[in-house]
PDB file of N, CA and C in Angstrom:
ATOM      1  N   MET A   1      97.056  90.415  36.144  1.00  0.00           N
ATOM      2  CA  MET A   1      98.093  91.403  36.074  1.00  0.00           C
ATOM      3  C   MET A   1      99.389  90.937  36.724  1.00  0.00           C
ATOM      4  N   GLU A   2     100.457  90.946  36.069  1.00  0.00           N
ATOM      5  CA  GLU A   2     101.662  90.473  36.556  1.00  0.00           C
ATOM      6  C   GLU A   2     102.415  91.611  37.324  1.00  0.00           C
ATOM      7  N   THR A   3     103.104  91.287  38.398  1.00  0.00           N
ATOM      8  CA  THR A   3     103.915  92.307  39.113  1.00  0.00           C
ATOM      9  C   THR A   3     105.350  92.149  38.631  1.00  0.00           C
ATOM     10  N   PRO A   4     106.043  93.166  38.548  1.00  0.00           N
ATOM     11  CA  PRO A   4     107.446  93.059  38.099  1.00  0.00           C
ATOM     12  C   PRO A   4     108.316  92.467  39.241  1.00  0.00           C
ATOM     13  N   GLU A   5     109.255  91.641  38.839  1.00  0.00           N
ATOM     14  CA  GLU A   5     110.143  91.105  39.797  1.00  0.00           C
ATOM     15  C   GLU A   5     111.228  92.060  40.250  1.00  0.00           C
ATOM     16  N   THR A   6     111.431  92.076  41.533  1.00  0.00           N
ATOM     17  CA  THR A   6     112.535  92.975  42.018  1.00  0.00           C
ATOM     18  C   THR A   6     113.530  92.073  42.700  1.00  0.00           C
ATOM     19  N   THR A   7     114.734  92.313  42.392  1.00  0.00           N
ATOM     20  CA  THR A   7     115.830  91.579  43.066  1.00  0.00           C
ATOM     21  C   THR A   7     116.343  92.280  44.247  1.00  0.00           C
ATOM     22  N   ARG A   8     116.351  91.530  45.412  1.00  0.00           N
ATOM     23  CA  ARG A   8     116.912  92.199  46.586  1.00  0.00           C
ATOM     24  C   ARG A   8     118.384  91.745  46.740  1.00  0.00           C
ATOM     25  N   THR A   9     119.175  92.600  47.288  1.00  0.00           N
ATOM     26  CA  THR A   9     120.608  92.339  47.391  1.00  0.00           C
ATOM     27  C   THR A   9     120.999  92.617  48.919  1.00  0.00           C
ATOM     28  N   CYS A  10     121.670  91.652  49.503  1.00  0.00           N
ATOM     29  CA  CYS A  10     122.123  91.792  50.844  1.00  0.00           C
ATOM     30  C   CYS A  10     123.189  92.880  50.965  1.00  0.00           C
ATOM     31  N   GLY A  11     122.963  93.810  51.925  1.00  0.00           N
ATOM     32  CA  GLY A  11     123.852  94.949  52.113  1.00  0.00           C
ATOM     33  C   GLY A  11     125.171  94.503  52.678  1.00  0.00           C
ATOM     34  N   TRP A  12     125.335  93.303  53.141  1.00  0.00           N
ATOM     35  CA  TRP A  12     126.562  92.844  53.754  1.00  0.00           C
ATOM     36  C   TRP A  12     127.395  91.997  52.809  1.00  0.00           C
ATOM     37  N   CYS A  13     126.801  90.880  52.343  1.00  0.00           N
ATOM     38  CA  CYS A  13     127.514  89.901  51.584  1.00  0.00           C
ATOM     39  C   CYS A  13     127.281  89.956  50.065  1.00  0.00           C
ATOM     40  N   GLY A  14     126.257  90.710  49.663  1.00  0.00           N
ATOM     41  CA  GLY A  14     125.994  90.855  48.210  1.00  0.00           C
ATOM     42  C   GLY A  14     125.108  89.772  47.613  1.00  0.00           C
ATOM     43  N   ARG A  15     124.615  88.854  48.464  1.00  0.00           N
ATOM     44  CA  ARG A  15     123.752  87.825  47.930  1.00  0.00           C
ATOM     45  C   ARG A  15     122.529  88.511  47.285  1.00  0.00           C
ATOM     46  N   GLN A  16     122.063  87.908  46.172  1.00  0.00           N
ATOM     47  CA  GLN A  16     120.862  88.424  45.457  1.00  0.00           C
ATOM     48  C   GLN A  16     119.763  87.376  45.381  1.00  0.00           C
ATOM     49  N   GLU A  17     118.531  87.798  45.537  1.00  0.00           N
ATOM     50  CA  GLU A  17     117.385  86.915  45.517  1.00  0.00           C
ATOM     51  C   GLU A  17     116.251  87.679  44.880  1.00  0.00           C
ATOM     52  N   SER A  18     115.575  87.013  43.952  1.00  0.00           N
ATOM     53  CA  SER A  18     114.460  87.679  43.294  1.00  0.00           C
ATOM     54  C   SER A  18     113.138  87.028  43.635  1.00  0.00           C
ATOM     55  N   ASP A  19     113.148  85.879  44.362  1.00  0.00           N
ATOM     56  CA  ASP A  19     111.902  85.241  44.845  1.00  0.00           C
ATOM     57  C   ASP A  19     111.453  85.870  46.108  1.00  0.00           C
ATOM     58  N   PRO A  20     110.319  86.592  46.098  1.00  0.00           N
ATOM     59  CA  PRO A  20     109.823  87.302  47.334  1.00  0.00           C
ATOM     60  C   PRO A  20     109.631  86.327  48.489  1.00  0.00           C
ATOM     61  N   ALA A  21     109.209  85.048  48.276  1.00  0.00           N
ATOM     62  CA  ALA A  21     108.960  84.086  49.322  1.00  0.00           C
ATOM     63  C   ALA A  21     110.319  83.781  50.098  1.00  0.00           C
ATOM     64  N   ARG A  22     111.421  83.800  49.364  1.00  0.00           N
ATOM     65  CA  ARG A  22     112.725  83.445  49.949  1.00  0.00           C
ATOM     66  C   ARG A  22     113.325  84.700  50.760  1.00  0.00           C
ATOM     67  N   THR A  23     112.781  85.846  50.487  1.00  0.00           N
ATOM     68  CA  THR A  23     113.295  87.046  51.201  1.00  0.00           C
ATOM     69  C   THR A  23     112.453  87.357  52.508  1.00  0.00           C
ATOM     70  N   LEU A  24     111.536  86.465  52.760  1.00  0.00           N
ATOM     71  CA  LEU A  24     110.706  86.755  53.915  1.00  0.00           C
ATOM     72  C   LEU A  24     111.508  86.726  55.249  1.00  0.00           C
ATOM     73  N   THR A  25     112.546  86.017  55.260  1.00  0.00           N
ATOM     74  CA  THR A  25     113.404  85.794  56.411  1.00  0.00           C
ATOM     75  C   THR A  25     114.556  86.857  56.452  1.00  0.00           C
ATOM     76  N   TRP A  26     114.604  87.705  55.451  1.00  0.00           N
ATOM     77  CA  TRP A  26     115.626  88.807  55.487  1.00  0.00           C
ATOM     78  C   TRP A  26     115.193  89.859  56.441  1.00  0.00           C
ATOM     79  N   THR A  27     116.144  90.603  56.905  1.00  0.00           N
ATOM     80  CA  THR A  27     115.861  91.807  57.804  1.00  0.00           C
ATOM     81  C   THR A  27     116.104  93.070  57.036  1.00  0.00           C
ATOM     82  N   THR A  28     115.477  94.089  57.591  1.00  0.00           N
ATOM     83  CA  THR A  28     115.693  95.384  57.054  1.00  0.00           C
ATOM     84  C   THR A  28     116.102  96.354  58.202  1.00  0.00           C
ATOM     85  N   ALA A  29     116.798  97.384  57.887  1.00  0.00           N
ATOM     86  CA  ALA A  29     117.299  98.326  58.881  1.00  0.00           C
ATOM     87  C   ALA A  29     117.436  99.684  58.123  1.00  0.00           C
ATOM     88  N   VAL A  30     117.408 100.684  58.971  1.00  0.00           N
ATOM     89  CA  VAL A  30     117.622 102.124  58.446  1.00  0.00           C
ATOM     90  C   VAL A  30     118.852 102.585  59.094  1.00  0.00           C
ATOM     91  N   GLU A  31     119.930 102.854  58.336  1.00  0.00           N
ATOM     92  CA  GLU A  31     121.105 103.354  58.788  1.00  0.00           C
ATOM     93  C   GLU A  31     121.444 104.721  58.186  1.00  0.00           C
ATOM     94  N   ARG A  32     121.519 105.776  58.936  1.00  0.00           N
ATOM     95  CA  ARG A  32     121.803 107.120  58.503  1.00  0.00           C
ATOM     96  C   ARG A  32     120.866 107.491  57.347  1.00  0.00           C
ATOM     97  N   GLY A  33     119.573 107.162  57.565  1.00  0.00           N
ATOM     98  CA  GLY A  33     118.523 107.507  56.580  1.00  0.00           C
ATOM     99  C   GLY A  33     118.456 106.629  55.400  1.00  0.00           C
ATOM    100  N   ARG A  34     119.268 105.615  55.301  1.00  0.00           N
ATOM    101  CA  ARG A  34     119.228 104.690  54.125  1.00  0.00           C
ATOM    102  C   ARG A  34     118.650 103.368  54.568  1.00  0.00           C
ATOM    103  N   ALA A  35     117.722 102.807  53.715  1.00  0.00           N
ATOM    104  CA  ALA A  35     117.181 101.513  53.998  1.00  0.00           C
ATOM    105  C   ALA A  35     118.217 100.489  53.576  1.00  0.00           C
ATOM    106  N   ARG A  36     118.438  99.488  54.470  1.00  0.00           N
ATOM    107  CA  ARG A  36     119.364  98.457  54.148  1.00  0.00           C
ATOM    108  C   ARG A  36     118.598  97.094  54.304  1.00  0.00           C
ATOM    109  N   VAL A  37     119.010  96.062  53.532  1.00  0.00           N
ATOM    110  CA  VAL A  37     118.425  94.760  53.620  1.00  0.00           C
ATOM    111  C   VAL A  37     119.570  93.736  53.770  1.00  0.00           C
ATOM    112  N   TYR A  38     119.297  92.804  54.684  1.00  0.00           N
ATOM    113  CA  TYR A  38     120.331  91.760  54.926  1.00  0.00           C
ATOM    114  C   TYR A  38     119.746  90.343  54.817  1.00  0.00           C
ATOM    115  N   CYS A  39     120.425  89.429  54.169  1.00  0.00           N
ATOM    116  CA  CYS A  39     119.980  88.076  54.001  1.00  0.00           C
ATOM    117  C   CYS A  39     119.919  87.358  55.347  1.00  0.00           C
ATOM    118  N   GLU A  40     119.255  86.191  55.342  1.00  0.00           N
ATOM    119  CA  GLU A  40     119.067  85.426  56.569  1.00  0.00           C
ATOM    120  C   GLU A  40     120.390  84.998  57.205  1.00  0.00           C
ATOM    121  N   THR A  41     121.339  84.618  56.473  1.00  0.00           N
ATOM    122  CA  THR A  41     122.650  84.193  56.925  1.00  0.00           C
ATOM    123  C   THR A  41     123.328  85.355  57.711  1.00  0.00           C
ATOM    124  N   CYS A  42     123.469  86.517  57.063  1.00  0.00           N
ATOM    125  CA  CYS A  42     124.096  87.686  57.605  1.00  0.00           C
ATOM    126  C   CYS A  42     123.262  88.188  58.842  1.00  0.00           C
ATOM    127  N   SER A  43     122.010  88.169  58.766  1.00  0.00           N
ATOM    128  CA  SER A  43     121.122  88.543  59.869  1.00  0.00           C
ATOM    129  C   SER A  43     121.444  87.725  61.093  1.00  0.00           C
ATOM    130  N   ARG A  44     121.514  86.405  60.924  1.00  0.00           N
ATOM    131  CA  ARG A  44     121.794  85.544  62.097  1.00  0.00           C
ATOM    132  C   ARG A  44     123.288  85.826  62.648  1.00  0.00           C
ATOM    133  N   GLU A  45     124.210  85.949  61.718  1.00  0.00           N
ATOM    134  CA  GLU A  45     125.614  86.205  62.146  1.00  0.00           C
ATOM    135  C   GLU A  45     125.756  87.517  62.966  1.00  0.00           C
ATOM    136  N   HIS A  46     125.013  88.514  62.570  1.00  0.00           N
ATOM    137  CA  HIS A  46     125.187  89.870  63.110  1.00  0.00           C
ATOM    138  C   HIS A  46     124.055  90.269  63.993  1.00  0.00           C
ATOM    139  N   LEU A  47     123.186  89.365  64.505  1.00  0.00           N
ATOM    140  CA  LEU A  47     122.013  89.694  65.217  1.00  0.00           C
ATOM    141  C   LEU A  47     122.248  90.646  66.418  1.00  0.00           C
ATOM    142  N   ARG A  48     123.273  90.294  67.194  1.00  0.00           N
ATOM    143  CA  ARG A  48     123.503  91.123  68.408  1.00  0.00           C
ATOM    144  C   ARG A  48     123.882  92.479  68.132  1.00  0.00           C
ATOM    145  N   ALA A  49     124.700  92.735  67.039  1.00  0.00           N
ATOM    146  CA  ALA A  49     125.032  94.067  66.642  1.00  0.00           C
ATOM    147  C   ALA A  49     123.795  94.820  66.100  1.00  0.00           C
ATOM    148  N   MET A  50     122.940  94.111  65.422  1.00  0.00           N
ATOM    149  CA  MET A  50     121.712  94.814  64.911  1.00  0.00           C
ATOM    150  C   MET A  50     120.760  95.175  66.053  1.00  0.00           C
ATOM    151  N   GLU A  51     120.608  94.233  67.065  1.00  0.00           N
ATOM    152  CA  GLU A  51     119.758  94.618  68.160  1.00  0.00           C
ATOM    153  C   GLU A  51     120.410  95.708  69.018  1.00  0.00           C
ATOM    154  N   GLY A  52     121.726  95.814  69.023  1.00  0.00           N
ATOM    155  CA  GLY A  52     122.342  96.864  69.760  1.00  0.00           C
ATOM    156  C   GLY A  52     122.460  98.230  68.940  1.00  0.00           C
ATOM    157  N   LYS A  53     121.855  98.177  67.710  1.00  0.00           N
ATOM    158  CA  LYS A  53     121.686  99.290  66.878  1.00  0.00           C
ATOM    159  C   LYS A  53     123.107  99.905  66.472  1.00  0.00           C
ATOM    160  N   LEU A  54     124.069  99.041  66.337  1.00  0.00           N
ATOM    161  CA  LEU A  54     125.390  99.430  65.819  1.00  0.00           C
ATOM    162  C   LEU A  54     125.288  99.581  64.289  1.00  0.00           C
ATOM    163  N   ASP A  55     125.991 100.539  63.769  1.00  0.00           N
ATOM    164  CA  ASP A  55     126.077 100.683  62.325  1.00  0.00           C
ATOM    165  C   ASP A  55     126.820  99.495  61.765  1.00  0.00           C
ATOM    166  N   SER A  56     126.487  99.136  60.580  1.00  0.00           N
ATOM    167  CA  SER A  56     127.122  97.865  60.010  1.00  0.00           C
ATOM    168  C   SER A  56     128.612  98.109  59.806  1.00  0.00           C
ATOM    169  N   GLU A  57     129.157  99.273  59.850  1.00  0.00           N
ATOM    170  CA  GLU A  57     130.586  99.520  59.802  1.00  0.00           C
ATOM    171  C   GLU A  57     131.331  98.848  60.948  1.00  0.00           C
ATOM    172  N   HIS A  58     130.605  98.688  62.100  1.00  0.00           N
ATOM    173  CA  HIS A  58     131.234  98.201  63.286  1.00  0.00           C
ATOM    174  C   HIS A  58     131.024  96.766  63.543  1.00  0.00           C
ATOM    175  N   TRP A  59     130.368  96.039  62.579  1.00  0.00           N
ATOM    176  CA  TRP A  59     130.253  94.624  62.740  1.00  0.00           C
ATOM    177  C   TRP A  59     131.462  93.859  62.449  1.00  0.00           C
TER     178      TRP A  59
END
């Protein structure tokens, strides 16, 4: 049984990835009740803001 491919899109830069293995290093966050996903590059760049729980508007 094949599973349908889902494409993930980075909530910051718009990068898209459909390979689940490549999205293992992406981070997820919940902001104002919405689930957000960020690619590895954006996650590394904005790590301190994420850990400080700042909304992405303030990055």
